[in-house]
N, C-alpha and C. Protein backbone atom coordinates (compact mmCIF):
# COMPACT_ATOMS: atom_id res chain seq x y z
N MET A 1 92.80 108.06 135.92
CA MET A 1 92.04 106.88 135.52
C MET A 1 93.01 105.78 135.13
N LYS A 2 92.83 104.61 135.65
CA LYS A 2 93.68 103.46 135.35
C LYS A 2 92.90 102.53 134.43
N ILE A 3 93.49 102.16 133.31
CA ILE A 3 92.86 101.25 132.37
C ILE A 3 93.47 99.88 132.53
N ASP A 4 92.62 98.85 132.58
CA ASP A 4 93.08 97.48 132.73
C ASP A 4 93.86 97.08 131.48
N MET A 5 95.08 96.58 131.67
CA MET A 5 95.91 96.18 130.54
C MET A 5 96.25 94.70 130.64
N SER A 6 96.33 94.04 129.50
CA SER A 6 96.75 92.65 129.47
C SER A 6 98.27 92.58 129.44
N ASP A 7 98.80 91.37 129.51
CA ASP A 7 100.24 91.18 129.47
C ASP A 7 100.84 91.71 128.16
N LYS A 8 100.12 91.52 127.08
CA LYS A 8 100.61 91.95 125.78
C LYS A 8 99.77 93.13 125.32
N ASP A 9 100.34 94.30 125.35
CA ASP A 9 99.64 95.52 124.96
C ASP A 9 99.90 95.79 123.48
N ILE A 10 99.35 94.92 122.63
CA ILE A 10 99.45 95.08 121.19
C ILE A 10 98.03 95.05 120.65
N PHE A 11 97.63 96.13 120.01
CA PHE A 11 96.28 96.22 119.48
C PHE A 11 96.32 96.51 118.00
N ARG A 12 95.33 95.97 117.28
CA ARG A 12 95.15 96.27 115.87
C ARG A 12 94.14 97.38 115.75
N ILE A 13 94.53 98.43 115.04
CA ILE A 13 93.62 99.54 114.79
C ILE A 13 93.63 99.82 113.30
N ASN A 14 92.63 100.52 112.82
CA ASN A 14 92.61 100.93 111.43
C ASN A 14 93.19 102.32 111.31
N VAL A 15 94.18 102.45 110.46
CA VAL A 15 94.77 103.74 110.15
C VAL A 15 94.40 103.99 108.69
N GLY A 16 93.41 104.86 108.49
CA GLY A 16 92.83 105.00 107.16
C GLY A 16 92.15 103.69 106.81
N ARG A 17 92.53 103.11 105.70
CA ARG A 17 91.95 101.82 105.29
C ARG A 17 92.84 100.64 105.66
N HIS A 18 93.89 100.88 106.41
CA HIS A 18 94.86 99.82 106.67
C HIS A 18 94.86 99.39 108.13
N PRO A 19 94.68 98.10 108.38
CA PRO A 19 94.82 97.61 109.76
C PRO A 19 96.30 97.60 110.15
N VAL A 20 96.60 98.13 111.34
CA VAL A 20 97.98 98.25 111.81
C VAL A 20 98.05 97.77 113.25
N SER A 21 99.09 97.03 113.59
CA SER A 21 99.31 96.62 114.97
C SER A 21 100.13 97.69 115.68
N ILE A 22 99.67 98.07 116.87
CA ILE A 22 100.33 99.13 117.65
C ILE A 22 100.74 98.56 119.00
N VAL A 23 102.01 98.73 119.34
CA VAL A 23 102.55 98.28 120.62
C VAL A 23 102.40 99.42 121.63
N GLY A 24 101.87 99.10 122.82
CA GLY A 24 101.78 100.07 123.90
C GLY A 24 100.60 101.01 123.83
N LEU A 25 99.58 100.69 123.04
CA LEU A 25 98.45 101.60 122.87
C LEU A 25 97.73 101.87 124.19
N MET A 26 97.32 100.81 124.89
CA MET A 26 96.55 101.01 126.13
C MET A 26 97.41 101.65 127.22
N GLU A 27 98.68 101.28 127.27
CA GLU A 27 99.59 101.89 128.25
C GLU A 27 99.70 103.40 128.01
N THR A 28 99.79 103.78 126.74
CA THR A 28 99.90 105.20 126.39
C THR A 28 98.60 105.93 126.70
N ILE A 29 97.47 105.31 126.39
CA ILE A 29 96.18 105.94 126.70
C ILE A 29 96.07 106.15 128.20
N SER A 30 96.43 105.14 128.97
CA SER A 30 96.37 105.25 130.43
C SER A 30 97.28 106.38 130.93
N LYS A 31 98.48 106.43 130.38
CA LYS A 31 99.47 107.43 130.80
C LYS A 31 99.01 108.86 130.50
N LEU A 32 98.34 109.04 129.36
CA LEU A 32 97.96 110.38 128.92
C LEU A 32 96.51 110.76 129.22
N SER A 33 95.75 109.82 129.79
CA SER A 33 94.30 110.03 129.93
C SER A 33 93.92 111.26 130.73
N GLU A 34 94.53 111.47 131.87
CA GLU A 34 94.16 112.62 132.71
C GLU A 34 94.53 113.94 132.04
N ARG A 35 95.71 113.99 131.45
CA ARG A 35 96.19 115.23 130.84
C ARG A 35 95.40 115.61 129.59
N LEU A 36 94.97 114.60 128.80
CA LEU A 36 94.36 114.89 127.51
C LEU A 36 92.85 114.68 127.45
N LYS A 37 92.23 114.28 128.54
CA LYS A 37 90.80 113.94 128.53
C LYS A 37 89.94 115.03 127.89
N GLY A 38 90.23 116.29 128.13
CA GLY A 38 89.45 117.38 127.56
C GLY A 38 90.06 117.98 126.31
N GLY A 39 91.08 117.34 125.77
CA GLY A 39 91.79 117.89 124.62
C GLY A 39 91.06 117.71 123.30
N THR A 40 91.54 118.42 122.30
CA THR A 40 91.00 118.28 120.95
C THR A 40 91.58 117.01 120.32
N ASP A 41 90.96 116.57 119.24
CA ASP A 41 91.48 115.40 118.53
C ASP A 41 92.91 115.64 118.06
N GLU A 42 93.21 116.87 117.65
CA GLU A 42 94.55 117.19 117.17
C GLU A 42 95.57 117.05 118.31
N GLU A 43 95.22 117.59 119.50
CA GLU A 43 96.13 117.51 120.65
C GLU A 43 96.33 116.06 121.09
N ILE A 44 95.23 115.32 121.15
CA ILE A 44 95.29 113.92 121.57
C ILE A 44 96.11 113.12 120.56
N GLY A 45 95.80 113.28 119.29
CA GLY A 45 96.49 112.53 118.24
C GLY A 45 97.98 112.79 118.21
N GLU A 46 98.36 114.05 118.36
CA GLU A 46 99.78 114.41 118.32
C GLU A 46 100.52 113.85 119.53
N ALA A 47 99.94 114.00 120.74
CA ALA A 47 100.58 113.48 121.95
C ALA A 47 100.71 111.96 121.88
N MET A 48 99.67 111.29 121.39
CA MET A 48 99.72 109.83 121.26
C MET A 48 100.79 109.43 120.23
N ALA A 49 100.85 110.15 119.11
CA ALA A 49 101.83 109.82 118.07
C ALA A 49 103.26 109.98 118.59
N VAL A 50 103.51 111.05 119.33
CA VAL A 50 104.85 111.27 119.88
C VAL A 50 105.23 110.13 120.81
N GLU A 51 104.30 109.77 121.69
CA GLU A 51 104.58 108.71 122.67
C GLU A 51 104.70 107.34 121.99
N LEU A 52 103.78 107.03 121.08
CA LEU A 52 103.78 105.70 120.45
C LEU A 52 104.91 105.52 119.45
N ALA A 53 105.45 106.62 118.93
CA ALA A 53 106.57 106.53 117.99
C ALA A 53 107.82 105.97 118.67
N LYS A 54 107.84 105.96 120.00
CA LYS A 54 108.98 105.41 120.72
C LYS A 54 109.04 103.88 120.59
N LYS A 55 107.89 103.24 120.34
CA LYS A 55 107.84 101.78 120.24
C LYS A 55 107.31 101.28 118.89
N ASN A 56 106.87 102.19 118.03
CA ASN A 56 106.25 101.81 116.77
C ASN A 56 106.81 102.64 115.63
N TYR A 57 106.80 102.06 114.44
CA TYR A 57 107.17 102.81 113.24
C TYR A 57 105.94 103.56 112.75
N ILE A 58 106.03 104.87 112.66
CA ILE A 58 104.94 105.70 112.15
C ILE A 58 105.50 106.45 110.95
N PRO A 59 105.09 106.05 109.74
CA PRO A 59 105.62 106.70 108.54
C PRO A 59 105.27 108.19 108.51
N THR A 60 106.22 109.01 108.17
CA THR A 60 106.01 110.45 108.12
C THR A 60 104.85 110.82 107.20
N ALA A 61 104.78 110.17 106.05
CA ALA A 61 103.73 110.49 105.08
C ALA A 61 102.33 110.15 105.59
N ALA A 62 102.23 109.25 106.54
CA ALA A 62 100.92 108.83 107.05
C ALA A 62 100.65 109.34 108.47
N ARG A 63 101.48 110.22 108.96
CA ARG A 63 101.37 110.68 110.35
C ARG A 63 99.99 111.27 110.66
N GLY A 64 99.42 112.01 109.73
CA GLY A 64 98.08 112.59 109.93
C GLY A 64 97.02 111.52 110.14
N GLU A 65 97.07 110.46 109.33
CA GLU A 65 96.11 109.36 109.48
C GLU A 65 96.31 108.65 110.81
N TYR A 66 97.55 108.48 111.21
CA TYR A 66 97.83 107.85 112.51
C TYR A 66 97.28 108.70 113.65
N ARG A 67 97.48 110.01 113.56
CA ARG A 67 96.98 110.90 114.63
C ARG A 67 95.46 110.79 114.76
N LYS A 68 94.76 110.76 113.62
CA LYS A 68 93.29 110.61 113.65
C LYS A 68 92.90 109.29 114.31
N ALA A 69 93.58 108.22 113.92
CA ALA A 69 93.28 106.89 114.47
C ALA A 69 93.57 106.83 115.96
N PHE A 70 94.68 107.42 116.39
CA PHE A 70 95.03 107.42 117.81
C PHE A 70 94.01 108.20 118.63
N ALA A 71 93.56 109.34 118.12
CA ALA A 71 92.58 110.15 118.85
C ALA A 71 91.27 109.37 119.00
N MET A 72 90.85 108.67 117.95
CA MET A 72 89.63 107.89 118.03
C MET A 72 89.78 106.74 119.04
N GLU A 73 90.90 106.04 119.02
CA GLU A 73 91.12 104.95 119.96
C GLU A 73 91.18 105.46 121.40
N PHE A 74 91.78 106.61 121.61
CA PHE A 74 91.83 107.25 122.93
C PHE A 74 90.42 107.50 123.44
N ARG A 75 89.60 108.12 122.61
CA ARG A 75 88.22 108.43 122.99
C ARG A 75 87.40 107.16 123.24
N LYS A 76 87.56 106.16 122.38
CA LYS A 76 86.84 104.90 122.56
C LYS A 76 87.22 104.25 123.89
N ALA A 77 88.51 104.20 124.19
CA ALA A 77 88.99 103.54 125.41
C ALA A 77 88.48 104.22 126.66
N LEU A 78 88.31 105.54 126.62
CA LEU A 78 87.86 106.28 127.79
C LEU A 78 86.34 106.46 127.83
N GLY A 79 85.65 105.91 126.84
CA GLY A 79 84.20 106.03 126.80
C GLY A 79 83.73 107.43 126.44
N LEU A 80 84.58 108.19 125.75
CA LEU A 80 84.24 109.55 125.33
C LEU A 80 83.61 109.50 123.93
N PRO A 81 82.79 110.48 123.58
CA PRO A 81 82.21 110.49 122.24
C PRO A 81 83.30 110.62 121.17
N TYR A 82 83.08 109.95 120.05
CA TYR A 82 84.02 110.03 118.94
C TYR A 82 83.26 109.83 117.65
N SER A 83 83.83 110.30 116.57
CA SER A 83 83.22 110.06 115.26
C SER A 83 84.18 109.19 114.47
N GLN A 84 83.59 108.30 113.74
CA GLN A 84 84.40 107.38 112.95
C GLN A 84 84.04 107.56 111.50
N GLU A 85 85.02 107.96 110.70
CA GLU A 85 84.80 108.09 109.28
C GLU A 85 84.82 106.71 108.66
N LEU A 86 83.74 106.38 107.94
CA LEU A 86 83.73 105.09 107.25
C LEU A 86 84.46 105.24 105.92
N PRO A 87 85.42 104.37 105.67
CA PRO A 87 86.15 104.46 104.42
C PRO A 87 85.28 104.07 103.24
N ASP A 88 85.65 104.56 102.07
CA ASP A 88 84.94 104.16 100.86
C ASP A 88 85.19 102.68 100.63
N GLY A 89 84.23 102.02 100.02
CA GLY A 89 84.41 100.62 99.69
C GLY A 89 83.77 99.69 100.69
N LEU A 90 84.11 98.45 100.58
CA LEU A 90 83.49 97.38 101.36
C LEU A 90 84.29 97.10 102.62
N GLU A 91 83.61 97.13 103.75
CA GLU A 91 84.20 96.82 105.06
C GLU A 91 83.51 95.57 105.60
N ILE A 92 84.26 94.53 105.86
CA ILE A 92 83.68 93.29 106.40
C ILE A 92 84.40 92.96 107.70
N LYS A 93 83.61 92.68 108.73
CA LYS A 93 84.19 92.30 110.03
C LYS A 93 83.59 90.97 110.45
N VAL A 94 84.46 90.09 110.89
CA VAL A 94 84.03 88.83 111.50
C VAL A 94 84.27 89.02 113.00
N LEU A 95 83.22 88.80 113.78
CA LEU A 95 83.31 88.95 115.23
C LEU A 95 83.41 87.58 115.86
N GLY A 96 84.39 87.38 116.71
CA GLY A 96 84.55 86.10 117.40
C GLY A 96 85.92 85.94 117.99
N SER A 97 86.01 85.05 118.94
CA SER A 97 87.23 84.90 119.74
C SER A 97 88.40 84.27 119.01
N GLY A 98 88.18 83.71 117.86
CA GLY A 98 89.27 83.05 117.15
C GLY A 98 89.08 81.55 117.12
N CYS A 99 87.88 81.09 117.45
CA CYS A 99 87.58 79.65 117.43
C CYS A 99 87.58 79.14 115.99
N TYR A 100 87.41 77.85 115.83
CA TYR A 100 87.44 77.23 114.52
C TYR A 100 86.37 77.83 113.60
N GLN A 101 85.15 78.02 114.12
CA GLN A 101 84.07 78.57 113.29
C GLN A 101 84.39 80.00 112.84
N CYS A 102 84.94 80.80 113.75
CA CYS A 102 85.30 82.19 113.41
C CYS A 102 86.35 82.21 112.31
N GLU A 103 87.38 81.42 112.47
CA GLU A 103 88.45 81.36 111.47
C GLU A 103 87.91 80.84 110.14
N SER A 104 86.99 79.87 110.20
CA SER A 104 86.38 79.33 108.97
C SER A 104 85.56 80.40 108.25
N LEU A 105 84.86 81.24 109.02
CA LEU A 105 84.09 82.32 108.40
C LEU A 105 85.01 83.34 107.73
N VAL A 106 86.11 83.67 108.36
CA VAL A 106 87.08 84.58 107.74
C VAL A 106 87.57 83.99 106.43
N GLN A 107 87.91 82.72 106.43
CA GLN A 107 88.39 82.06 105.21
C GLN A 107 87.33 82.03 104.12
N LEU A 108 86.07 81.79 104.51
CA LEU A 108 84.97 81.77 103.54
C LEU A 108 84.77 83.16 102.92
N VAL A 109 84.83 84.19 103.73
CA VAL A 109 84.71 85.56 103.23
C VAL A 109 85.82 85.83 102.23
N MET A 110 87.05 85.49 102.59
CA MET A 110 88.19 85.73 101.70
C MET A 110 88.03 84.95 100.38
N GLU A 111 87.58 83.71 100.48
CA GLU A 111 87.37 82.87 99.30
C GLU A 111 86.36 83.53 98.35
N ILE A 112 85.27 84.03 98.91
CA ILE A 112 84.23 84.67 98.08
C ILE A 112 84.76 85.96 97.45
N LEU A 113 85.51 86.75 98.21
CA LEU A 113 86.06 87.98 97.66
C LEU A 113 87.00 87.70 96.49
N VAL A 114 87.80 86.64 96.61
CA VAL A 114 88.70 86.25 95.52
C VAL A 114 87.88 85.78 94.32
N GLU A 115 86.88 84.95 94.59
CA GLU A 115 86.01 84.42 93.54
C GLU A 115 85.34 85.54 92.74
N LEU A 116 84.84 86.54 93.47
CA LEU A 116 84.12 87.64 92.84
C LEU A 116 85.04 88.77 92.38
N ASP A 117 86.33 88.67 92.73
CA ASP A 117 87.32 89.70 92.42
C ASP A 117 86.87 91.07 92.95
N ILE A 118 86.52 91.08 94.25
CA ILE A 118 86.05 92.29 94.91
C ILE A 118 87.06 92.70 95.99
N PRO A 119 87.54 93.95 95.93
CA PRO A 119 88.43 94.43 96.99
C PRO A 119 87.62 94.78 98.23
N ALA A 120 88.14 94.46 99.39
CA ALA A 120 87.45 94.77 100.65
C ALA A 120 88.46 94.81 101.78
N ASN A 121 88.11 95.56 102.81
CA ASN A 121 88.89 95.54 104.04
C ASN A 121 88.23 94.51 104.94
N VAL A 122 88.93 93.43 105.25
CA VAL A 122 88.40 92.36 106.08
C VAL A 122 89.14 92.39 107.41
N GLU A 123 88.37 92.40 108.49
CA GLU A 123 88.96 92.47 109.83
C GLU A 123 88.30 91.42 110.71
N HIS A 124 89.10 90.76 111.52
CA HIS A 124 88.59 89.79 112.49
C HIS A 124 88.72 90.40 113.87
N LEU A 125 87.58 90.80 114.46
CA LEU A 125 87.58 91.39 115.80
C LEU A 125 87.47 90.29 116.83
N ARG A 126 88.46 90.22 117.73
CA ARG A 126 88.49 89.18 118.77
C ARG A 126 88.25 89.75 120.17
N ASP A 127 88.34 91.06 120.32
CA ASP A 127 88.20 91.70 121.62
C ASP A 127 86.74 91.70 122.06
N ALA A 128 86.46 91.12 123.22
CA ALA A 128 85.08 90.98 123.70
C ALA A 128 84.38 92.33 123.85
N ARG A 129 85.12 93.35 124.25
CA ARG A 129 84.51 94.69 124.40
C ARG A 129 84.08 95.25 123.05
N GLU A 130 84.90 95.06 122.05
CA GLU A 130 84.54 95.54 120.71
C GLU A 130 83.35 94.76 120.16
N ILE A 131 83.35 93.44 120.37
CA ILE A 131 82.26 92.60 119.91
C ILE A 131 80.95 93.01 120.58
N ALA A 132 81.01 93.31 121.87
CA ALA A 132 79.81 93.71 122.62
C ALA A 132 79.16 94.96 122.04
N ASN A 133 79.94 95.84 121.44
CA ASN A 133 79.39 97.05 120.83
C ASN A 133 78.41 96.75 119.71
N TYR A 134 78.52 95.57 119.10
CA TYR A 134 77.64 95.20 117.99
C TYR A 134 76.36 94.51 118.47
N ARG A 135 76.29 94.17 119.76
CA ARG A 135 75.10 93.57 120.38
C ARG A 135 74.62 92.32 119.65
N VAL A 136 75.56 91.45 119.31
CA VAL A 136 75.20 90.18 118.68
C VAL A 136 74.93 89.15 119.77
N LEU A 137 74.07 88.19 119.46
CA LEU A 137 73.71 87.17 120.44
C LEU A 137 74.65 85.97 120.41
N GLY A 138 75.37 85.81 119.33
CA GLY A 138 76.30 84.68 119.24
C GLY A 138 77.40 84.98 118.25
N VAL A 139 78.46 84.19 118.35
CA VAL A 139 79.58 84.30 117.41
C VAL A 139 79.78 82.94 116.75
N PRO A 140 80.32 82.89 115.58
CA PRO A 140 80.81 84.02 114.83
C PRO A 140 79.66 84.91 114.35
N ALA A 141 79.97 86.17 114.16
CA ALA A 141 79.01 87.12 113.61
C ALA A 141 79.67 87.83 112.44
N LEU A 142 78.85 88.32 111.54
CA LEU A 142 79.35 88.96 110.34
C LEU A 142 78.76 90.36 110.23
N VAL A 143 79.64 91.34 110.03
CA VAL A 143 79.24 92.73 109.89
C VAL A 143 79.75 93.21 108.53
N ILE A 144 78.83 93.74 107.73
CA ILE A 144 79.20 94.28 106.42
C ILE A 144 78.82 95.75 106.41
N ASN A 145 79.82 96.60 106.19
CA ASN A 145 79.64 98.05 106.19
C ASN A 145 78.89 98.51 107.44
N GLU A 146 79.35 98.03 108.59
CA GLU A 146 78.84 98.39 109.92
C GLU A 146 77.41 97.94 110.18
N ARG A 147 76.91 96.99 109.41
CA ARG A 147 75.58 96.42 109.63
C ARG A 147 75.73 94.92 109.93
N VAL A 148 75.20 94.49 111.08
CA VAL A 148 75.25 93.07 111.42
C VAL A 148 74.29 92.33 110.49
N VAL A 149 74.83 91.36 109.74
CA VAL A 149 73.99 90.61 108.81
C VAL A 149 73.77 89.16 109.25
N TRP A 150 74.59 88.68 110.19
CA TRP A 150 74.47 87.27 110.60
C TRP A 150 75.17 87.06 111.92
N SER A 151 74.64 86.15 112.74
CA SER A 151 75.37 85.78 113.96
C SER A 151 74.99 84.38 114.40
N GLY A 152 75.91 83.76 115.11
CA GLY A 152 75.66 82.47 115.74
C GLY A 152 76.17 81.25 115.02
N SER A 153 76.50 81.37 113.74
CA SER A 153 77.01 80.23 112.98
C SER A 153 77.62 80.75 111.68
N ILE A 154 78.03 79.82 110.85
CA ILE A 154 78.57 80.19 109.54
C ILE A 154 77.42 80.15 108.54
N PRO A 155 77.15 81.26 107.85
CA PRO A 155 76.06 81.25 106.87
C PRO A 155 76.43 80.41 105.65
N LEU A 156 75.42 80.03 104.90
CA LEU A 156 75.67 79.31 103.65
C LEU A 156 76.45 80.20 102.69
N LYS A 157 77.31 79.59 101.92
CA LYS A 157 78.18 80.33 101.02
C LYS A 157 77.38 81.20 100.05
N ASP A 158 76.30 80.66 99.48
CA ASP A 158 75.50 81.43 98.52
C ASP A 158 74.87 82.66 99.17
N LYS A 159 74.42 82.51 100.41
CA LYS A 159 73.82 83.64 101.13
C LYS A 159 74.87 84.71 101.40
N LEU A 160 76.04 84.29 101.85
CA LEU A 160 77.14 85.21 102.12
C LEU A 160 77.55 85.94 100.84
N LYS A 161 77.64 85.19 99.76
CA LYS A 161 77.99 85.79 98.46
C LYS A 161 76.97 86.86 98.07
N SER A 162 75.69 86.58 98.27
CA SER A 162 74.66 87.56 97.89
C SER A 162 74.73 88.81 98.76
N TRP A 163 75.03 88.66 100.06
CA TRP A 163 75.17 89.84 100.94
C TRP A 163 76.32 90.72 100.47
N ILE A 164 77.42 90.09 100.11
CA ILE A 164 78.59 90.84 99.65
C ILE A 164 78.27 91.57 98.34
N GLN A 165 77.62 90.89 97.43
CA GLN A 165 77.25 91.52 96.16
C GLN A 165 76.27 92.67 96.37
N GLU A 166 75.31 92.50 97.28
CA GLU A 166 74.35 93.57 97.58
C GLU A 166 75.08 94.76 98.20
N ALA A 167 76.03 94.50 99.07
CA ALA A 167 76.79 95.59 99.71
C ALA A 167 77.61 96.34 98.67
N VAL A 168 78.23 95.62 97.73
CA VAL A 168 79.01 96.27 96.69
C VAL A 168 78.11 97.13 95.81
N ALA A 169 76.94 96.62 95.49
CA ALA A 169 75.98 97.37 94.66
C ALA A 169 75.49 98.63 95.38
N GLY A 170 75.46 98.57 96.72
CA GLY A 170 74.96 99.71 97.49
C GLY A 170 76.02 100.72 97.88
N VAL A 171 77.31 100.42 97.69
CA VAL A 171 78.38 101.33 98.05
C VAL A 171 78.29 102.60 97.22
N GLY A 172 78.30 103.74 97.91
CA GLY A 172 78.29 105.02 97.22
C GLY A 172 76.92 105.51 96.80
N LYS A 173 75.85 104.79 97.16
CA LYS A 173 74.50 105.19 96.75
C LYS A 173 73.80 106.04 97.81
N ASP A 174 74.46 106.26 98.97
CA ASP A 174 73.81 107.05 100.03
C ASP A 174 73.81 108.52 99.71
């Protein structure tokens, strides 16, 4: 299986709660896809870690988290089933190509988090394939704890603040 790659094969993935840029991710997935397609997450993660360590720094203490993240990205890229562990705490994603409105929404989210003194993992997804998974009708779009709460424009600051506060109040209540 050949995976379409862009000129710059640098992708941001989450390793545990930390966003990390990985060089050569899609190239490595393409290279290992046939051999590992039926493999376990452990086999996939280890083979990916060995290969990606040639171009990336992978801290020894975090190698297990990297292997989990690599296995999930491998499965996602090949359209195979995968499970994603949601980290504790607040996860906020802004979906959009990086236009002025998208960047403004990221800044507004950060401003509110600072104002409220709330820790959160904030991620700006720019990849059209990843955005399509959320089935939003327009961008920028806002996802809080994997739930789409807004799309098509920048919400009012007070509304955004209330969504964040509601999400914080609901964390850990499931």
